[in-house]
Protein backbone atom coordinates (compact mmCIF):
# COMPACT_ATOMS: atom_id res chain seq x y z
CA UNK A 1 104.11 100.13 122.62
CA UNK A 2 102.65 103.00 120.89
CA UNK A 3 103.29 104.23 117.48
CA UNK A 4 106.12 102.98 115.14
CA UNK A 5 108.28 105.11 112.83
CA UNK A 6 110.41 104.19 109.63
CA UNK A 7 113.69 106.37 109.84
CA UNK A 8 115.10 108.43 107.21
CA UNK A 9 118.58 108.20 107.63
CA UNK A 10 120.38 110.06 104.66
CA UNK A 11 123.77 108.54 104.97
CA UNK A 12 122.10 105.06 104.71
CA UNK A 13 119.26 106.44 101.75
CA UNK A 14 122.40 107.81 99.79
CA UNK A 15 124.12 104.00 100.00
CA UNK A 16 120.69 102.65 98.75
CA UNK A 17 120.96 104.86 95.62
CA UNK A 18 124.36 103.17 94.26
CA UNK A 19 124.35 102.00 91.11
CA UNK A 20 126.53 99.04 92.08
CA UNK A 21 127.39 96.61 94.72
CA UNK A 22 128.72 98.11 97.78
CA UNK A 23 131.47 95.63 99.01
CA UNK A 24 134.38 94.14 97.04
CA UNK A 25 137.53 95.66 95.96
CA UNK A 26 137.45 99.16 94.88
CA UNK A 27 133.90 99.30 96.42
CA UNK A 28 132.87 101.88 99.31
CA UNK A 29 133.49 98.59 101.86
CA UNK A 30 136.01 95.81 101.13
CA UNK A 31 134.03 93.68 103.20
CA UNK A 32 130.35 92.82 104.07
CA UNK A 33 131.77 92.82 107.93
CA UNK A 34 133.37 96.56 107.23
CA UNK A 35 129.61 97.95 105.76
CA UNK A 36 127.96 96.00 108.89
CA UNK A 37 130.21 97.87 111.17
CA UNK A 38 129.41 101.27 109.47
CA UNK A 39 125.93 101.10 109.50
CA UNK A 40 126.10 99.64 113.32
CA UNK A 41 127.50 102.76 113.67
CA UNK A 42 124.77 104.94 111.97
CA UNK A 43 122.20 103.70 113.28
CA UNK A 44 123.31 102.96 117.21
CA UNK A 45 121.19 106.20 118.19
CA UNK A 46 117.74 104.86 117.17
CA UNK A 47 117.84 101.51 116.23
CA UNK A 48 116.74 100.04 119.59
CA UNK A 49 114.75 102.84 120.57
CA UNK A 50 110.94 101.60 121.36
CA UNK A 51 109.32 103.42 118.82
CA UNK A 52 112.22 102.31 115.68
CA UNK A 53 110.34 99.92 112.92
CA UNK A 54 112.34 100.25 110.24
CA UNK A 55 114.33 102.19 107.42
CA UNK A 56 113.68 104.39 104.24
CA UNK A 57 115.95 103.01 101.42
CA UNK A 58 115.71 104.23 97.92
CA UNK A 59 112.58 105.58 96.69
CA UNK A 60 111.47 103.85 93.24
CA UNK A 61 114.56 102.11 92.94
CA UNK A 62 115.87 100.93 88.99
CA UNK A 63 117.27 97.54 88.53
CA UNK A 64 120.66 99.09 88.46
CA UNK A 65 120.67 99.64 92.40
CA UNK A 66 119.45 96.16 93.41
CA UNK A 67 123.27 95.30 94.36
CA UNK A 68 123.67 97.93 96.94
CA UNK A 69 120.03 97.46 98.35
CA UNK A 70 120.77 93.90 98.26
CA UNK A 71 123.88 94.44 100.24
CA UNK A 72 122.08 96.84 102.75
CA UNK A 73 119.03 94.09 103.60
CA UNK A 74 121.98 91.73 104.11
CA UNK A 75 123.78 93.96 106.42
CA UNK A 76 121.60 95.64 108.21
CA UNK A 77 119.62 92.09 108.99
CA UNK A 78 122.72 91.24 110.42
CA UNK A 79 122.50 94.07 112.96
CA UNK A 80 118.44 93.69 113.49
CA UNK A 81 116.89 90.39 112.06
CA UNK A 82 113.41 92.04 112.35
CA UNK A 83 114.34 94.94 110.57
CA UNK A 84 111.67 96.84 108.21
CA UNK A 85 113.41 98.15 105.23
CA UNK A 86 111.01 100.55 103.09
CA UNK A 87 111.93 100.36 99.34
CA UNK A 88 108.82 101.35 97.70
CA UNK A 89 109.46 100.01 94.04
CA UNK A 90 108.23 101.44 90.77
CA UNK A 91 104.79 100.49 89.66
CA UNK A 92 104.68 99.19 85.56
CA UNK A 93 104.67 101.53 82.80
CA UNK A 94 104.68 101.32 79.17
CA UNK A 95 107.83 101.67 77.81
CA UNK A 96 109.86 101.90 80.80
CA UNK A 97 111.96 98.52 80.41
CA UNK A 98 115.40 100.13 80.49
CA UNK A 99 114.34 101.17 84.21
CA UNK A 100 113.76 97.48 84.87
CA UNK A 101 116.42 95.38 83.46
CA UNK A 102 119.17 95.37 80.90
CA UNK A 103 117.68 92.56 78.97
CA UNK A 104 116.59 93.95 75.88
CA UNK A 105 114.80 91.09 74.54
CA UNK A 106 112.52 91.52 77.68
CA UNK A 107 109.64 94.54 77.08
CA UNK A 108 106.76 95.85 78.53
CA UNK A 109 105.02 93.81 80.98
CA UNK A 110 107.96 90.86 80.55
CA UNK A 111 110.60 93.17 81.93
CA UNK A 112 108.39 94.57 84.32
CA UNK A 113 107.93 90.91 85.68
CA UNK A 114 111.91 90.51 85.79
CA UNK A 115 112.12 93.82 87.99
CA UNK A 116 109.99 92.21 90.69
CA UNK A 117 111.61 88.97 90.36
CA UNK A 118 115.24 90.27 90.97
CA UNK A 119 114.08 92.58 93.60
CA UNK A 120 112.62 90.18 95.57
CA UNK A 121 115.26 87.18 94.84
CA UNK A 122 118.79 89.45 95.43
CA UNK A 123 117.39 91.44 98.06
CA UNK A 124 115.35 88.09 100.02
CA UNK A 125 113.08 91.05 101.00
CA UNK A 126 110.24 88.55 101.90
CA UNK A 127 108.14 91.60 100.73
CA UNK A 128 107.49 93.79 97.59
CA UNK A 129 105.79 97.06 97.81
CA UNK A 130 105.02 99.99 95.18
CA UNK A 131 102.75 102.66 95.66
CA UNK A 132 101.09 104.12 92.56
CA UNK A 133 97.96 107.15 91.41
CA UNK A 134 95.70 105.31 89.46
CA UNK A 135 93.28 108.73 88.86
CA UNK A 136 95.20 111.37 86.80
CA UNK A 137 93.81 114.45 85.53
CA UNK A 138 95.87 115.23 82.66
CA UNK A 139 96.70 113.31 79.46
CA UNK A 140 98.61 114.55 76.43
CA UNK A 141 98.77 118.28 77.69
CA UNK A 142 94.92 118.30 78.27
CA UNK A 143 92.56 118.39 81.53
CA UNK A 144 90.88 114.99 81.12
CA UNK A 145 90.08 112.84 84.42
CA UNK A 146 90.69 109.05 84.05
CA UNK A 147 91.88 105.54 85.28
CA UNK A 148 95.37 104.99 84.56
CA UNK A 149 95.48 102.20 82.02
CA UNK A 150 98.87 100.60 83.36
CA UNK A 151 97.20 100.38 87.23
CA UNK A 152 95.29 96.82 87.13
CA UNK A 153 98.39 95.01 85.08
CA UNK A 154 101.06 96.65 87.71
CA UNK A 155 98.39 95.18 90.73
CA UNK A 156 98.30 92.02 89.06
CA UNK A 157 102.02 91.36 87.80
CA UNK A 158 103.25 92.50 91.35
CA UNK A 159 100.75 90.39 93.29
CA UNK A 160 101.80 87.07 90.79
CA UNK A 161 105.78 87.44 91.33
CA UNK A 162 105.14 88.21 95.04
CA UNK A 163 102.98 85.01 95.27
CA UNK A 164 105.52 82.70 93.02
CA UNK A 165 108.33 83.93 95.41
CA UNK A 166 106.44 83.34 98.61
CA UNK A 167 106.85 86.83 99.46
CA UNK A 168 103.90 89.48 100.82
CA UNK A 169 102.47 92.13 98.79
CA UNK A 170 102.10 95.59 99.71
CA UNK A 171 100.34 98.51 97.65
CA UNK A 172 100.19 101.95 98.86
CA UNK A 173 96.89 103.37 96.69
CA UNK A 174 97.79 107.20 96.38
CA UNK A 175 93.88 108.00 96.23
CA UNK A 176 94.43 111.51 94.47
CA UNK A 177 95.00 112.86 90.96
CA UNK A 178 98.34 113.36 89.97
CA UNK A 179 99.28 116.19 87.47
CA UNK A 180 102.92 117.25 86.35
CA UNK A 181 102.27 119.86 88.49
CA UNK A 182 101.33 117.51 91.38
CA UNK A 183 99.14 120.08 92.89
CA UNK A 184 96.08 119.34 94.67
CA UNK A 185 93.03 120.68 93.62
CA UNK A 186 90.34 121.88 95.93
CA UNK A 187 87.04 121.43 95.91
CA UNK A 188 84.70 124.60 95.81
């Protein structure tokens, strides 16, 4: 069929950024049927195109976005069961548990394990995907090339938790260095 594409529809992307469920009394949509109808309207121009593969959802969501994202997974799969929903998750970072969970008893890697598990169980995604930048060149405001400590931990946790949920695991390795200014350096 040729090249397939993932569509960035800002109307749907914006819904995936919400911090609570999209469906229910006082929410964006009174019923799941109402959400399905709206998404059917939004996706009508492209969803049956031969090149259509899927949709982009919130990049690196926090746990507070999972209910809205789960609603989108359910509704969009009702419209097109084989749709790919590209929701690139956060990698593990020390001291970032407030992004991973509201359970203050969970810290560090335990909080990240909960993040992976909660995303997979709430959405029923069947796959977990994140991207990471393991090669860095700035630490403590100094130019220093190094391999990010948390890279292998993230890889191990995400792979283990995905396997426990019988989910596929995808990783996009960003193979250039990342800096605060995100500038690429050219070799002279």
